[in-house]
Amino acid sequence: MLAASSPISKWRPIIPALIDYFTELCLRLYSHDLPVVTGTNTGTDASNIVDLTGLLNYSSGDTNFYDGVYARLVGTDDVSSGDSRVTRGGWTVTGTLVVDPDFSTTPVSGDLYTLSKHPPKLLDDAINRLLRNTYQESFFPLSLHIVANDNNDMESSGLDGDYAKTNAAIAAETTIVHNGAQSMKVTDDGSGGGYANVGSIGIPENKQLYAAVMGYVTSGDSMTFRAIDVTGSNATIEDATTDEPSWMELVYPFTTPSDCEQIDFRFIADSASDVIYG
């Protein structure tokens, strides 16, 4: 959650699911050949795709137009129902594509379908080859500072004791999560300004850095992500704030003060009883 790095570093981005890459590739490859490349299935039969609201429902169409076209069906949970092919004359022109073999999992209304002229496995392999050779910028931690119990990822069974706290309660949260399995929930004890902190980190003076954290607050509350100069009596170096009930990135550059030897980061619930997540 709490980290800092040199200006050339970058936090890790959110990576799209494979189906997102697959669908985008199909749209770019086949939109000029196929009137329909992707859409929402409303059927529940493993032997066909049903889309009554799109261009598959075209009474003057050629029933053989989609012969042999590959079809992939993916649920809203990003779990694939399998791949198949449209049969000869399999377009009913009233919104249904008949496929063979049946999809491996019975479809449900709301599943995403994507059509392609190449085998889906071939497209998957091409996407994987590209991704394996696409390198994101690396994130380098400020130091070898490790939170108690090696709990930098918030995924131990409990967080109270792994992070320090002042006028606040700390708990693991599993429903409001930016990525991973858990986040940290900080609840002010009623005094206002309660916080969790990561602990003192050694750092050279006059060093240009940036700090970043993802934060979420309960509606009506607010939070501050603060870098402090431990050596200089916990003076504030830099702040970032949010009052949005959604995940927001709080990021800022900062320079360590002269004579600074240690810094710390505070995750602050600004007002009495505020609840924040990170």
Protein backbone atom coordinates (compact mmCIF):
# COMPACT_ATOMS: atom_id res chain seq x y z
CA MET A 1 0.00 0.00 0.00
CA LEU A 2 2.58 2.56 1.13
CA ALA A 3 5.72 3.01 -0.89
CA ALA A 4 8.00 5.52 -2.51
CA SER A 5 10.44 5.34 -5.37
CA SER A 6 12.69 7.32 -7.62
CA PRO A 7 11.04 9.52 -10.28
CA ILE A 8 11.89 7.10 -13.09
CA SER A 9 9.87 4.31 -11.50
CA LYS A 10 6.19 3.54 -12.06
CA TRP A 11 3.45 1.82 -10.09
CA ARG A 12 2.12 -1.42 -11.57
CA PRO A 13 -0.90 -0.86 -13.86
CA ILE A 14 -4.07 -2.89 -13.89
CA ILE A 15 -3.77 -5.52 -16.61
CA PRO A 16 -6.86 -6.24 -18.75
CA ALA A 17 -8.26 -9.76 -18.90
CA LEU A 18 -7.30 -11.97 -21.86
CA ILE A 19 -10.85 -11.75 -23.26
CA ASP A 20 -10.44 -7.96 -23.49
CA TYR A 21 -7.37 -8.38 -25.68
CA PHE A 22 -9.08 -11.14 -27.66
CA THR A 23 -12.20 -9.09 -28.36
CA GLU A 24 -10.22 -5.99 -29.34
CA LEU A 25 -8.04 -8.04 -31.71
CA CYS A 26 -11.11 -9.57 -33.36
CA LEU A 27 -12.73 -6.16 -33.80
CA ARG A 28 -9.62 -4.87 -35.54
CA LEU A 29 -9.21 -7.93 -37.75
CA TYR A 30 -12.78 -8.70 -38.78
CA SER A 31 -14.96 -5.58 -38.51
CA HIS A 32 -14.58 -4.99 -42.25
CA ASP A 33 -15.68 -8.58 -43.07
CA LEU A 34 -18.24 -9.48 -40.42
CA PRO A 35 -21.23 -7.22 -39.64
CA VAL A 36 -21.20 -8.71 -36.14
CA VAL A 37 -17.93 -9.47 -34.31
CA THR A 38 -19.04 -9.34 -30.69
CA GLY A 39 -22.21 -8.96 -28.69
CA THR A 40 -24.26 -10.20 -25.75
CA ASN A 41 -25.79 -13.66 -25.86
CA THR A 42 -29.31 -13.98 -24.44
CA GLY A 43 -29.78 -17.71 -25.00
CA THR A 44 -29.28 -20.65 -22.65
CA ASP A 45 -28.72 -23.45 -25.17
CA ALA A 46 -25.17 -24.81 -25.56
CA SER A 47 -25.77 -25.38 -29.29
CA ASN A 48 -26.31 -21.77 -30.28
CA ILE A 49 -25.77 -18.06 -29.74
CA VAL A 50 -28.81 -15.79 -29.52
CA ASP A 51 -28.69 -12.01 -30.05
CA LEU A 52 -32.05 -10.59 -31.04
CA THR A 53 -31.17 -6.92 -30.66
CA GLY A 54 -28.11 -6.70 -32.93
CA LEU A 55 -27.29 -7.22 -36.58
CA LEU A 56 -27.67 -11.00 -36.25
CA ASN A 57 -31.40 -10.30 -36.46
CA TYR A 58 -31.58 -9.41 -40.17
CA SER A 59 -34.36 -11.11 -42.11
CA SER A 60 -32.75 -10.51 -45.53
CA GLY A 61 -29.43 -12.10 -44.58
CA ASP A 62 -27.76 -15.10 -46.23
CA THR A 63 -28.04 -18.07 -43.88
CA ASN A 64 -24.62 -19.28 -45.03
CA PHE A 65 -22.84 -16.00 -44.38
CA TYR A 66 -21.31 -17.11 -41.06
CA ASP A 67 -20.54 -20.69 -42.14
CA GLY A 68 -17.41 -21.95 -40.37
CA VAL A 69 -16.87 -18.79 -38.36
CA TYR A 70 -15.34 -19.47 -34.94
CA ALA A 71 -17.32 -18.48 -31.85
CA ARG A 72 -16.08 -17.94 -28.31
CA LEU A 73 -18.45 -17.50 -25.38
CA VAL A 74 -17.31 -15.98 -22.07
CA GLY A 75 -19.39 -15.42 -18.93
CA THR A 76 -19.62 -12.20 -16.96
CA ASP A 77 -17.18 -13.78 -14.47
CA ASP A 78 -14.60 -13.99 -17.31
CA VAL A 79 -14.84 -17.80 -17.30
CA SER A 80 -15.01 -19.24 -20.82
CA SER A 81 -17.91 -21.44 -21.90
CA GLY A 82 -15.73 -22.74 -24.70
CA ASP A 83 -15.08 -22.32 -28.40
CA SER A 84 -17.06 -23.67 -31.32
CA ARG A 85 -17.89 -23.00 -35.01
CA VAL A 86 -21.03 -21.91 -36.81
CA THR A 87 -22.56 -24.78 -38.80
CA ARG A 88 -23.33 -24.68 -42.52
CA GLY A 89 -26.44 -22.56 -42.92
CA GLY A 90 -26.28 -21.97 -39.18
CA TRP A 91 -27.41 -18.36 -39.24
CA THR A 92 -31.17 -18.30 -38.85
CA VAL A 93 -31.16 -14.57 -39.82
CA THR A 94 -33.54 -13.99 -36.90
CA GLY A 95 -30.82 -13.55 -34.30
CA THR A 96 -29.45 -17.09 -33.79
CA LEU A 97 -26.18 -18.77 -34.77
CA VAL A 98 -26.18 -22.58 -34.54
CA VAL A 99 -22.78 -23.99 -33.53
CA ASP A 100 -21.11 -27.39 -33.50
CA PRO A 101 -19.80 -28.80 -31.24
CA ASP A 102 -21.85 -27.53 -28.32
CA PHE A 103 -20.17 -25.08 -25.97
CA SER A 104 -18.52 -26.92 -23.09
CA THR A 105 -20.58 -25.03 -20.50
CA THR A 106 -24.25 -24.16 -20.83
CA PRO A 107 -24.50 -20.44 -21.65
CA VAL A 108 -26.45 -17.96 -19.57
CA SER A 109 -28.07 -14.74 -20.68
CA GLY A 110 -25.51 -11.95 -20.53
CA ASP A 111 -22.50 -13.96 -21.73
CA LEU A 112 -20.18 -12.20 -24.16
CA TYR A 113 -19.72 -13.81 -27.58
CA THR A 114 -16.90 -13.03 -30.00
CA LEU A 115 -16.67 -14.23 -33.61
CA SER A 116 -13.44 -14.76 -35.55
CA LYS A 117 -12.27 -16.15 -38.88
CA HIS A 118 -9.18 -17.72 -37.33
CA PRO A 119 -9.10 -20.40 -34.62
CA PRO A 120 -9.31 -18.76 -31.17
CA LYS A 121 -6.25 -20.72 -30.03
CA LEU A 122 -4.23 -19.12 -32.83
CA LEU A 123 -5.30 -15.64 -31.67
CA ASP A 124 -4.62 -16.55 -28.03
CA ASP A 125 -1.09 -17.62 -28.96
CA ALA A 126 -0.48 -14.38 -30.87
CA ILE A 127 -1.70 -12.31 -27.91
CA ASN A 128 0.44 -14.29 -25.47
CA ARG A 129 3.54 -13.90 -27.64
CA LEU A 130 3.01 -10.15 -27.72
CA LEU A 131 2.38 -9.85 -23.98
CA ARG A 132 5.43 -11.95 -23.14
CA ASN A 133 7.55 -9.41 -25.00
CA THR A 134 5.83 -6.31 -23.61
CA TYR A 135 7.59 -5.05 -20.54
CA GLN A 136 5.95 -2.68 -18.09
CA GLU A 137 8.06 -0.16 -16.25
CA SER A 138 9.42 -1.65 -13.06
CA PHE A 139 8.51 -0.54 -9.54
CA PHE A 140 11.51 -0.18 -7.29
CA PRO A 141 10.86 0.18 -3.53
CA LEU A 142 12.52 2.98 -1.68
CA SER A 143 14.39 0.57 0.58
CA LEU A 144 14.37 -2.97 1.87
CA HIS A 145 11.88 -1.93 4.53
CA ILE A 146 9.41 -4.80 5.07
CA VAL A 147 6.18 -4.40 7.03
CA ALA A 148 5.81 -6.71 10.03
CA ASN A 149 5.00 -10.32 9.04
CA ASP A 150 5.97 -9.47 5.44
CA ASN A 151 2.48 -8.07 4.96
CA ASN A 152 3.14 -5.44 2.30
CA ASP A 153 0.30 -6.91 0.19
CA MET A 154 -2.40 -6.75 2.91
CA GLU A 155 -3.15 -10.43 2.50
CA SER A 156 -2.26 -11.94 5.87
CA SER A 157 -5.10 -13.18 8.08
CA GLY A 158 -4.99 -9.97 10.10
CA LEU A 159 -3.44 -6.52 9.78
CA ASP A 160 -3.63 -5.19 13.34
CA GLY A 161 -0.04 -5.37 14.52
CA ASP A 162 1.44 -5.53 11.03
CA TYR A 163 0.95 -1.77 10.66
CA ALA A 164 1.27 0.79 13.42
CA LYS A 165 -1.83 2.81 14.34
CA THR A 166 -2.73 5.93 16.30
CA ASN A 167 -6.31 6.76 17.37
CA ALA A 168 -7.62 4.20 14.89
CA ALA A 169 -8.61 0.56 14.45
CA ILE A 170 -7.11 -1.53 11.64
CA ALA A 171 -8.70 -4.56 10.03
CA ALA A 172 -8.49 -6.64 6.85
CA GLU A 173 -11.24 -5.92 4.28
CA THR A 174 -12.37 -8.43 1.62
CA THR A 175 -15.30 -6.65 -0.08
CA ILE A 176 -13.79 -3.23 -0.87
CA VAL A 177 -10.58 -4.22 -2.65
CA HIS A 178 -8.62 -2.54 -5.44
CA ASN A 179 -6.61 -5.61 -6.40
CA GLY A 180 -5.55 -8.80 -4.70
CA ALA A 181 -7.65 -10.52 -2.06
CA GLN A 182 -7.75 -7.91 0.71
CA SER A 183 -7.29 -4.26 1.52
CA MET A 184 -6.64 -2.47 4.80
CA LYS A 185 -9.59 -0.80 6.56
CA VAL A 186 -8.77 2.07 8.92
CA THR A 187 -11.51 3.38 11.23
CA ASP A 188 -10.95 6.56 13.23
CA ASP A 189 -11.70 6.03 16.93
CA GLY A 190 -13.80 9.20 17.20
CA SER A 191 -11.03 11.67 17.88
CA GLY A 192 -10.42 12.61 14.24
CA GLY A 193 -7.16 12.25 12.35
CA GLY A 194 -6.57 8.62 13.33
CA TYR A 195 -4.09 6.88 11.08
CA ALA A 196 -2.15 3.78 10.15
CA ASN A 197 1.51 4.10 9.27
CA VAL A 198 4.09 1.90 7.67
CA GLY A 199 7.03 2.65 9.98
CA SER A 200 10.22 4.68 9.67
CA ILE A 201 12.20 4.27 6.46
CA GLY A 202 15.83 5.37 6.13
CA ILE A 203 16.42 7.83 3.29
CA PRO A 204 19.13 10.32 2.18
CA GLU A 205 18.43 14.03 2.53
CA ASN A 206 17.55 16.18 -0.52
CA LYS A 207 16.40 13.14 -2.48
CA GLN A 208 13.74 13.62 -5.19
CA LEU A 209 11.11 10.88 -4.97
CA TYR A 210 7.43 10.23 -5.46
CA ALA A 211 4.90 8.33 -3.39
CA ALA A 212 1.68 6.65 -4.51
CA VAL A 213 -1.20 4.77 -2.93
CA MET A 214 -4.70 3.70 -3.92
CA GLY A 215 -7.33 4.99 -1.49
CA TYR A 216 -11.08 4.56 -1.01
CA VAL A 217 -13.30 6.30 1.54
CA THR A 218 -16.80 5.69 2.87
CA SER A 219 -19.31 8.18 1.43
CA GLY A 220 -19.15 11.46 3.34
CA ASP A 221 -15.68 10.75 4.76
CA SER A 222 -12.23 11.85 3.63
CA MET A 223 -8.63 10.72 3.87
CA THR A 224 -5.10 12.06 3.57
CA PHE A 225 -2.00 10.23 2.36
CA ARG A 226 0.91 12.02 4.04
CA ALA A 227 4.69 11.78 3.84
CA ILE A 228 6.38 12.97 7.05
CA ASP A 229 9.90 13.80 8.12
CA VAL A 230 10.50 11.56 11.14
CA THR A 231 13.87 13.17 11.79
CA GLY A 232 12.28 16.62 11.75
CA SER A 233 9.70 15.97 14.49
CA ASN A 234 7.21 14.35 12.09
CA ALA A 235 6.81 17.51 10.03
CA THR A 236 4.63 17.12 6.95
CA ILE A 237 6.57 16.84 3.70
CA GLU A 238 3.64 16.37 1.30
CA ASP A 239 -0.08 15.50 1.29
CA ALA A 240 -2.64 14.05 -1.11
CA THR A 241 -6.33 13.87 -0.19
CA THR A 242 -9.58 12.36 -1.44
CA ASP A 243 -13.22 12.26 -0.37
CA GLU A 244 -14.42 9.97 -3.18
CA PRO A 245 -16.26 6.70 -2.40
CA SER A 246 -14.29 4.96 -5.14
CA TRP A 247 -10.70 3.90 -5.65
CA MET A 248 -8.53 6.94 -6.33
CA GLU A 249 -4.81 7.12 -6.93
CA LEU A 250 -3.07 9.49 -4.53
CA VAL A 251 0.36 10.29 -5.92
CA TYR A 252 2.83 13.13 -5.52
CA PRO A 253 6.51 13.95 -6.02
CA PHE A 254 8.45 15.16 -3.02
CA THR A 255 11.97 16.01 -1.90
CA THR A 256 13.34 14.88 1.43
CA PRO A 257 14.36 17.87 3.59
CA SER A 258 17.91 18.77 4.50
CA ASP A 259 19.19 16.69 7.45
CA CYS A 260 16.32 14.21 6.98
CA GLU A 261 17.37 10.65 7.80
CA GLN A 262 14.00 8.90 8.10
CA ILE A 263 10.54 9.36 6.64
CA ASP A 264 7.20 7.66 7.24
CA PHE A 265 3.82 7.50 5.50
CA ARG A 266 0.49 8.00 7.22
CA PHE A 267 -2.86 6.79 5.95
CA ILE A 268 -5.15 9.23 7.75
CA ALA A 269 -8.91 9.17 8.39
CA ASP A 270 -9.44 12.92 8.51
CA SER A 271 -12.49 13.32 10.76
CA ALA A 272 -14.08 11.60 13.72
CA SER A 273 -15.20 8.03 12.91
CA ASP A 274 -14.19 8.26 9.23
CA VAL A 275 -13.61 4.91 7.52
CA ILE A 276 -10.98 4.60 4.78
CA TYR A 277 -9.40 1.78 2.77
CA GLY A 278 -6.09 1.24 1.06
